[in-house]
Amino acid sequence: PAEPEVKEAFIVVHSFKNPRNANNFYNVLSEAGYRAEKRLWNGLQRVGIIFPYRYTTEIDSMKQVLGPKYKSGPKLFEELEE
């Protein structure tokens, strides 16, 4: 069977009120080799990575890597509560 197509997920690692802190963490992720992204949502800068995946288990694995590494509880952007 053919492999599923590659999709992209935005995994939010941290959220910030202060734009300077968001920019600093964005730079940390970028310098670590991740494809960093910031999105303003519900009054907070959501900072995380764009992650290519084929299977949802890959997203879970990446969250398990990012959580301890950056002392956070990473979530998919779509999972954020309003």
PDB file of N, CA and C in Angstrom:
ATOM      1  N   PRO A   1       0.826  -1.214   0.000  1.00  0.00           N
ATOM      2  CA  PRO A   1       0.000   0.000   0.000  1.00  0.00           C
ATOM      3  C   PRO A   1       0.859   1.262   0.000  1.00  0.00           C
ATOM      4  N   ALA A   2       0.339   2.291  -0.578  1.00  0.00           N
ATOM      5  CA  ALA A   2       1.065   3.564  -0.663  1.00  0.00           C
ATOM      6  C   ALA A   2       1.118   4.240   0.704  1.00  0.00           C
ATOM      7  N   GLU A   3       2.204   4.973   0.926  1.00  0.00           N
ATOM      8  CA  GLU A   3       2.354   5.759   2.169  1.00  0.00           C
ATOM      9  C   GLU A   3       1.321   6.889   2.167  1.00  0.00           C
ATOM     10  N   PRO A   4       0.786   7.240   3.335  1.00  0.00           N
ATOM     11  CA  PRO A   4      -0.091   8.420   3.397  1.00  0.00           C
ATOM     12  C   PRO A   4       0.691   9.677   3.005  1.00  0.00           C
ATOM     13  N   GLU A   5      -0.017  10.662   2.501  1.00  0.00           N
ATOM     14  CA  GLU A   5       0.673  11.891   2.100  1.00  0.00           C
ATOM     15  C   GLU A   5       1.191  12.644   3.330  1.00  0.00           C
ATOM     16  N   VAL A   6       2.220  13.423   3.116  1.00  0.00           N
ATOM     17  CA  VAL A   6       2.813  14.210   4.205  1.00  0.00           C
ATOM     18  C   VAL A   6       1.916  15.410   4.488  1.00  0.00           C
ATOM     19  N   LYS A   7       1.617  15.590   5.768  1.00  0.00           N
ATOM     20  CA  LYS A   7       0.831  16.741   6.218  1.00  0.00           C
ATOM     21  C   LYS A   7       1.720  17.562   7.146  1.00  0.00           C
ATOM     22  N   GLU A   8       1.230  18.728   7.540  1.00  0.00           N
ATOM     23  CA  GLU A   8       1.972  19.570   8.483  1.00  0.00           C
ATOM     24  C   GLU A   8       1.107  19.885   9.687  1.00  0.00           C
ATOM     25  N   ALA A   9       1.735  19.880  10.848  1.00  0.00           N
ATOM     26  CA  ALA A   9       1.065  20.229  12.099  1.00  0.00           C
ATOM     27  C   ALA A   9       1.816  21.390  12.735  1.00  0.00           C
ATOM     28  N   PHE A  10       1.083  22.264  13.399  1.00  0.00           N
ATOM     29  CA  PHE A  10       1.699  23.321  14.196  1.00  0.00           C
ATOM     30  C   PHE A  10       1.602  22.888  15.646  1.00  0.00           C
ATOM     31  N   ILE A  11       2.742  22.534  16.234  1.00  0.00           N
ATOM     32  CA  ILE A  11       2.802  22.116  17.629  1.00  0.00           C
ATOM     33  C   ILE A  11       3.224  23.315  18.458  1.00  0.00           C
ATOM     34  N   VAL A  12       2.323  23.785  19.316  1.00  0.00           N
ATOM     35  CA  VAL A  12       2.592  24.934  20.184  1.00  0.00           C
ATOM     36  C   VAL A  12       3.395  24.440  21.385  1.00  0.00           C
ATOM     37  N   VAL A  13       4.550  25.067  21.622  1.00  0.00           N
ATOM     38  CA  VAL A  13       5.408  24.669  22.730  1.00  0.00           C
ATOM     39  C   VAL A  13       5.192  25.592  23.927  1.00  0.00           C
ATOM     40  N   HIS A  14       5.115  26.900  23.698  1.00  0.00           N
ATOM     41  CA  HIS A  14       4.868  27.872  24.767  1.00  0.00           C
ATOM     42  C   HIS A  14       3.989  28.996  24.237  1.00  0.00           C
ATOM     43  N   SER A  15       3.321  29.684  25.159  1.00  0.00           N
ATOM     44  CA  SER A  15       2.487  30.847  24.836  1.00  0.00           C
ATOM     45  C   SER A  15       2.961  32.029  25.670  1.00  0.00           C
ATOM     46  N   PHE A  16       2.967  33.212  25.072  1.00  0.00           N
ATOM     47  CA  PHE A  16       3.510  34.400  25.728  1.00  0.00           C
ATOM     48  C   PHE A  16       2.589  35.594  25.543  1.00  0.00           C
ATOM     49  N   LYS A  17       2.517  36.440  26.589  1.00  0.00           N
ATOM     50  CA  LYS A  17       1.850  37.747  26.452  1.00  0.00           C
ATOM     51  C   LYS A  17       2.829  38.761  25.892  1.00  0.00           C
ATOM     52  N   ASN A  18       4.072  38.683  26.339  1.00  0.00           N
ATOM     53  CA  ASN A  18       5.105  39.640  25.955  1.00  0.00           C
ATOM     54  C   ASN A  18       5.710  39.245  24.603  1.00  0.00           C
ATOM     55  N   PRO A  19       5.540  40.088  23.579  1.00  0.00           N
ATOM     56  CA  PRO A  19       6.077  39.758  22.256  1.00  0.00           C
ATOM     57  C   PRO A  19       7.591  39.525  22.247  1.00  0.00           C
ATOM     58  N   ARG A  20       8.311  40.236  23.118  1.00  0.00           N
ATOM     59  CA  ARG A  20       9.769  40.049  23.161  1.00  0.00           C
ATOM     60  C   ARG A  20      10.117  38.634  23.613  1.00  0.00           C
ATOM     61  N   ASN A  21       9.386  38.124  24.621  1.00  0.00           N
ATOM     62  CA  ASN A  21       9.621  36.753  25.072  1.00  0.00           C
ATOM     63  C   ASN A  21       9.270  35.748  23.976  1.00  0.00           C
ATOM     64  N   ALA A  22       8.193  36.023  23.241  1.00  0.00           N
ATOM     65  CA  ALA A  22       7.807  35.156  22.129  1.00  0.00           C
ATOM     66  C   ALA A  22       8.900  35.134  21.067  1.00  0.00           C
ATOM     67  N   ASN A  23       9.445  36.309  20.748  1.00  0.00           N
ATOM     68  CA  ASN A  23      10.523  36.377  19.750  1.00  0.00           C
ATOM     69  C   ASN A  23      11.760  35.637  20.223  1.00  0.00           C
ATOM     70  N   ASN A  24      12.098  35.788  21.497  1.00  0.00           N
ATOM     71  CA  ASN A  24      13.275  35.097  22.037  1.00  0.00           C
ATOM     72  C   ASN A  24      13.110  33.583  21.934  1.00  0.00           C
ATOM     73  N   PHE A  25      11.929  33.068  22.303  1.00  0.00           N
ATOM     74  CA  PHE A  25      11.721  31.622  22.243  1.00  0.00           C
ATOM     75  C   PHE A  25      11.652  31.141  20.797  1.00  0.00           C
ATOM     76  N   TYR A  26      11.079  31.944  19.913  1.00  0.00           N
ATOM     77  CA  TYR A  26      11.072  31.640  18.481  1.00  0.00           C
ATOM     78  C   TYR A  26      12.511  31.439  18.002  1.00  0.00           C
ATOM     79  N   ASN A  27      13.399  32.329  18.427  1.00  0.00           N
ATOM     80  CA  ASN A  27      14.809  32.220  18.037  1.00  0.00           C
ATOM     81  C   ASN A  27      15.461  30.966  18.609  1.00  0.00           C
ATOM     82  N   VAL A  28      15.105  30.604  19.846  1.00  0.00           N
ATOM     83  CA  VAL A  28      15.639  29.384  20.467  1.00  0.00           C
ATOM     84  C   VAL A  28      15.257  28.166  19.620  1.00  0.00           C
ATOM     85  N   LEU A  29      13.988  28.084  19.231  1.00  0.00           N
ATOM     86  CA  LEU A  29      13.539  26.954  18.417  1.00  0.00           C
ATOM     87  C   LEU A  29      14.229  26.948  17.047  1.00  0.00           C
ATOM     88  N   SER A  30      14.340  28.123  16.440  1.00  0.00           N
ATOM     89  CA  SER A  30      14.988  28.219  15.126  1.00  0.00           C
ATOM     90  C   SER A  30      16.442  27.786  15.201  1.00  0.00           C
ATOM     91  N   GLU A  31      17.135  28.261  16.227  1.00  0.00           N
ATOM     92  CA  GLU A  31      18.552  27.922  16.377  1.00  0.00           C
ATOM     93  C   GLU A  31      18.752  26.437  16.688  1.00  0.00           C
ATOM     94  N   ALA A  32      17.723  25.791  17.239  1.00  0.00           N
ATOM     95  CA  ALA A  32      17.797  24.353  17.524  1.00  0.00           C
ATOM     96  C   ALA A  32      17.503  23.525  16.267  1.00  0.00           C
ATOM     97  N   GLY A  33      17.209  24.215  15.152  1.00  0.00           N
ATOM     98  CA  GLY A  33      17.008  23.524  13.886  1.00  0.00           C
ATOM     99  C   GLY A  33      15.557  23.235  13.544  1.00  0.00           C
ATOM    100  N   TYR A  34      14.634  23.729  14.361  1.00  0.00           N
ATOM    101  CA  TYR A  34      13.215  23.528  14.074  1.00  0.00           C
ATOM    102  C   TYR A  34      12.700  24.605  13.135  1.00  0.00           C
ATOM    103  N   ARG A  35      11.625  24.308  12.443  1.00  0.00           N
ATOM    104  CA  ARG A  35      10.926  25.312  11.623  1.00  0.00           C
ATOM    105  C   ARG A  35       9.939  26.013  12.556  1.00  0.00           C
ATOM    106  N   ALA A  36      10.405  27.081  13.195  1.00  0.00           N
ATOM    107  CA  ALA A  36       9.627  27.782  14.216  1.00  0.00           C
ATOM    108  C   ALA A  36       8.526  28.620  13.581  1.00  0.00           C
ATOM    109  N   GLU A  37       7.462  28.836  14.371  1.00  0.00           N
ATOM    110  CA  GLU A  37       6.357  29.676  13.920  1.00  0.00           C
ATOM    111  C   GLU A  37       5.719  30.347  15.131  1.00  0.00           C
ATOM    112  N   LYS A  38       5.192  31.550  14.904  1.00  0.00           N
ATOM    113  CA  LYS A  38       4.431  32.290  15.925  1.00  0.00           C
ATOM    114  C   LYS A  38       3.058  32.587  15.347  1.00  0.00           C
ATOM    115  N   ARG A  39       2.048  32.436  16.197  1.00  0.00           N
ATOM    116  CA  ARG A  39       0.687  32.817  15.791  1.00  0.00           C
ATOM    117  C   ARG A  39       0.034  33.516  16.972  1.00  0.00           C
ATOM    118  N   LEU A  40      -0.592  34.640  16.687  1.00  0.00           N
ATOM    119  CA  LEU A  40      -1.348  35.346  17.714  1.00  0.00           C
ATOM    120  C   LEU A  40      -2.726  34.701  17.786  1.00  0.00           C
ATOM    121  N   TRP A  41      -3.094  34.219  18.962  1.00  0.00           N
ATOM    122  CA  TRP A  41      -4.384  33.576  19.137  1.00  0.00           C
ATOM    123  C   TRP A  41      -4.880  33.805  20.546  1.00  0.00           C
ATOM    124  N   ASN A  42      -6.071  34.340  20.672  1.00  0.00           N
ATOM    125  CA  ASN A  42      -6.691  34.602  21.974  1.00  0.00           C
ATOM    126  C   ASN A  42      -5.817  35.503  22.855  1.00  0.00           C
ATOM    127  N   GLY A  43      -5.195  36.487  22.243  1.00  0.00           N
ATOM    128  CA  GLY A  43      -4.413  37.460  22.996  1.00  0.00           C
ATOM    129  C   GLY A  43      -3.014  37.015  23.383  1.00  0.00           C
ATOM    130  N   LEU A  44      -2.626  35.812  22.984  1.00  0.00           N
ATOM    131  CA  LEU A  44      -1.285  35.319  23.313  1.00  0.00           C
ATOM    132  C   LEU A  44      -0.527  34.944  22.046  1.00  0.00           C
ATOM    133  N   GLN A  45       0.783  35.137  22.090  1.00  0.00           N
ATOM    134  CA  GLN A  45       1.651  34.677  21.018  1.00  0.00           C
ATOM    135  C   GLN A  45       1.912  33.192  21.252  1.00  0.00           C
ATOM    136  N   ARG A  46       1.452  32.354  20.341  1.00  0.00           N
ATOM    137  CA  ARG A  46       1.689  30.915  20.434  1.00  0.00           C
ATOM    138  C   ARG A  46       2.941  30.622  19.625  1.00  0.00           C
ATOM    139  N   VAL A  47       3.941  30.048  20.271  1.00  0.00           N
ATOM    140  CA  VAL A  47       5.215  29.794  19.611  1.00  0.00           C
ATOM    141  C   VAL A  47       5.461  28.292  19.606  1.00  0.00           C
ATOM    142  N   GLY A  48       5.795  27.784  18.437  1.00  0.00           N
ATOM    143  CA  GLY A  48       6.036  26.358  18.323  1.00  0.00           C
ATOM    144  C   GLY A  48       6.731  26.023  17.029  1.00  0.00           C
ATOM    145  N   ILE A  49       6.492  24.800  16.570  1.00  0.00           N
ATOM    146  CA  ILE A  49       7.156  24.344  15.364  1.00  0.00           C
ATOM    147  C   ILE A  49       6.134  23.847  14.346  1.00  0.00           C
ATOM    148  N   ILE A  50       6.511  23.955  13.088  1.00  0.00           N
ATOM    149  CA  ILE A  50       5.773  23.316  12.008  1.00  0.00           C
ATOM    150  C   ILE A  50       6.458  21.973  11.800  1.00  0.00           C
ATOM    151  N   PHE A  51       5.662  20.913  11.873  1.00  0.00           N
ATOM    152  CA  PHE A  51       6.202  19.567  11.879  1.00  0.00           C
ATOM    153  C   PHE A  51       5.549  18.720  10.778  1.00  0.00           C
ATOM    154  N   PRO A  52       6.348  18.220   9.833  1.00  0.00           N
ATOM    155  CA  PRO A  52       5.778  17.345   8.803  1.00  0.00           C
ATOM    156  C   PRO A  52       5.566  15.941   9.367  1.00  0.00           C
ATOM    157  N   TYR A  53       4.445  15.323   9.006  1.00  0.00           N
ATOM    158  CA  TYR A  53       4.162  13.969   9.502  1.00  0.00           C
ATOM    159  C   TYR A  53       3.303  13.206   8.504  1.00  0.00           C
ATOM    160  N   ARG A  54       3.347  11.910   8.616  1.00  0.00           N
ATOM    161  CA  ARG A  54       2.463  11.033   7.849  1.00  0.00           C
ATOM    162  C   ARG A  54       1.435  10.373   8.770  1.00  0.00           C
ATOM    163  N   TYR A  55       1.863  10.065  10.000  1.00  0.00           N
ATOM    164  CA  TYR A  55       1.012   9.358  10.961  1.00  0.00           C
ATOM    165  C   TYR A  55       0.892  10.196  12.234  1.00  0.00           C
ATOM    166  N   THR A  56      -0.277  10.175  12.857  1.00  0.00           N
ATOM    167  CA  THR A  56      -0.478  10.972  14.070  1.00  0.00           C
ATOM    168  C   THR A  56       0.436  10.531  15.203  1.00  0.00           C
ATOM    169  N   THR A  57       0.893   9.301  15.176  1.00  0.00           N
ATOM    170  CA  THR A  57       1.826   8.846  16.217  1.00  0.00           C
ATOM    171  C   THR A  57       3.128   9.645  16.175  1.00  0.00           C
ATOM    172  N   GLU A  58       3.488  10.149  14.992  1.00  0.00           N
ATOM    173  CA  GLU A  58       4.695  10.978  14.873  1.00  0.00           C
ATOM    174  C   GLU A  58       4.513  12.305  15.617  1.00  0.00           C
ATOM    175  N   ILE A  59       3.297  12.839  15.613  1.00  0.00           N
ATOM    176  CA  ILE A  59       3.013  14.076  16.355  1.00  0.00           C
ATOM    177  C   ILE A  59       3.175  13.817  17.847  1.00  0.00           C
ATOM    178  N   ASP A  60       2.608  12.711  18.317  1.00  0.00           N
ATOM    179  CA  ASP A  60       2.726  12.367  19.731  1.00  0.00           C
ATOM    180  C   ASP A  60       4.185  12.196  20.140  1.00  0.00           C
ATOM    181  N   SER A  61       4.968  11.558  19.297  1.00  0.00           N
ATOM    182  CA  SER A  61       6.395  11.366  19.587  1.00  0.00           C
ATOM    183  C   SER A  61       7.120  12.705  19.677  1.00  0.00           C
ATOM    184  N   MET A  62       6.810  13.622  18.755  1.00  0.00           N
ATOM    185  CA  MET A  62       7.461  14.933  18.782  1.00  0.00           C
ATOM    186  C   MET A  62       7.065  15.708  20.030  1.00  0.00           C
ATOM    187  N   LYS A  63       5.813  15.618  20.441  1.00  0.00           N
ATOM    188  CA  LYS A  63       5.382  16.281  21.681  1.00  0.00           C
ATOM    189  C   LYS A  63       6.172  15.744  22.873  1.00  0.00           C
ATOM    190  N   GLN A  64       6.425  14.429  22.879  1.00  0.00           N
ATOM    191  CA  GLN A  64       7.183  13.817  23.976  1.00  0.00           C
ATOM    192  C   GLN A  64       8.635  14.271  23.985  1.00  0.00           C
ATOM    193  N   VAL A  65       9.169  14.645  22.842  1.00  0.00           N
ATOM    194  CA  VAL A  65      10.527  15.189  22.760  1.00  0.00           C
ATOM    195  C   VAL A  65      10.544  16.646  23.218  1.00  0.00           C
ATOM    196  N   LEU A  66       9.598  17.436  22.706  1.00  0.00           N
ATOM    197  CA  LEU A  66       9.572  18.872  22.982  1.00  0.00           C
ATOM    198  C   LEU A  66       9.231  19.188  24.435  1.00  0.00           C
ATOM    199  N   GLY A  67       8.330  18.430  25.044  1.00  0.00           N
ATOM    200  CA  GLY A  67       7.874  18.704  26.404  1.00  0.00           C
ATOM    201  C   GLY A  67       9.021  18.790  27.406  1.00  0.00           C
ATOM    202  N   PRO A  68       9.771  17.712  27.595  1.00  0.00           N
ATOM    203  CA  PRO A  68      10.877  17.756  28.555  1.00  0.00           C
ATOM    204  C   PRO A  68      11.986  18.727  28.131  1.00  0.00           C
ATOM    205  N   LYS A  69      12.238  18.783  26.833  1.00  0.00           N
ATOM    206  CA  LYS A  69      13.324  19.637  26.332  1.00  0.00           C
ATOM    207  C   LYS A  69      13.081  21.109  26.642  1.00  0.00           C
ATOM    208  N   TYR A  70      11.807  21.545  26.554  1.00  0.00           N
ATOM    209  CA  TYR A  70      11.479  22.960  26.756  1.00  0.00           C
ATOM    210  C   TYR A  70      10.555  23.176  27.960  1.00  0.00           C
ATOM    211  N   LYS A  71      10.472  22.170  28.826  1.00  0.00           N
ATOM    212  CA  LYS A  71       9.679  22.258  30.069  1.00  0.00           C
ATOM    213  C   LYS A  71       8.275  22.804  29.788  1.00  0.00           C
ATOM    214  N   SER A  72       7.556  22.087  28.925  1.00  0.00           N
ATOM    215  CA  SER A  72       6.227  22.544  28.522  1.00  0.00           C
ATOM    216  C   SER A  72       5.298  21.353  28.313  1.00  0.00           C
ATOM    217  N   GLY A  73       4.073  21.669  27.998  1.00  0.00           N
ATOM    218  CA  GLY A  73       3.078  20.666  27.621  1.00  0.00           C
ATOM    219  C   GLY A  73       2.623  20.953  26.207  1.00  0.00           C
ATOM    220  N   PRO A  74       3.416  20.569  25.211  1.00  0.00           N
ATOM    221  CA  PRO A  74       3.089  20.906  23.822  1.00  0.00           C
ATOM    222  C   PRO A  74       1.711  20.399  23.407  1.00  0.00           C
ATOM    223  N   LYS A  75       1.050  21.205  22.574  1.00  0.00           N
ATOM    224  CA  LYS A  75      -0.264  20.844  22.046  1.00  0.00           C
ATOM    225  C   LYS A  75      -0.314  21.216  20.574  1.00  0.00           C
ATOM    226  N   LEU A  76      -1.154  20.510  19.861  1.00  0.00           N
ATOM    227  CA  LEU A  76      -1.441  20.943  18.505  1.00  0.00           C
ATOM    228  C   LEU A  76      -2.207  22.250  18.582  1.00  0.00           C
ATOM    229  N   PHE A  77      -1.975  23.137  17.648  1.00  0.00           N
ATOM    230  CA  PHE A  77      -2.666  24.422  17.630  1.00  0.00           C
ATOM    231  C   PHE A  77      -4.190  24.201  17.685  1.00  0.00           C
ATOM    232  N   GLU A  78      -4.657  23.178  16.994  1.00  0.00           N
ATOM    233  CA  GLU A  78      -6.094  22.888  16.937  1.00  0.00           C
ATOM    234  C   GLU A  78      -6.630  22.436  18.297  1.00  0.00           C
ATOM    235  N   GLU A  79      -5.760  21.997  19.205  1.00  0.00           N
ATOM    236  CA  GLU A  79      -6.199  21.500  20.517  1.00  0.00           C
ATOM    237  C   GLU A  79      -6.323  22.611  21.572  1.00  0.00           C
ATOM    238  N   LEU A  80      -5.883  23.806  21.249  1.00  0.00           N
ATOM    239  CA  LEU A  80      -5.921  24.893  22.235  1.00  0.00           C
ATOM    240  C   LEU A  80      -7.360  25.237  22.589  1.00  0.00           C
ATOM    241  N   GLU A  81      -7.587  25.457  23.876  1.00  0.00           N
ATOM    242  CA  GLU A  81      -8.925  25.826  24.322  1.00  0.00           C
ATOM    243  C   GLU A  81      -9.140  27.314  24.119  1.00  0.00           C
ATOM    244  N   GLU A  82     -10.371  27.688  23.890  1.00  0.00           N
ATOM    245  CA  GLU A  82     -10.675  29.115  23.701  1.00  0.00           C
ATOM    246  C   GLU A  82     -10.681  29.848  25.016  1.00  0.00           C
TER     247      GLU A  82
END
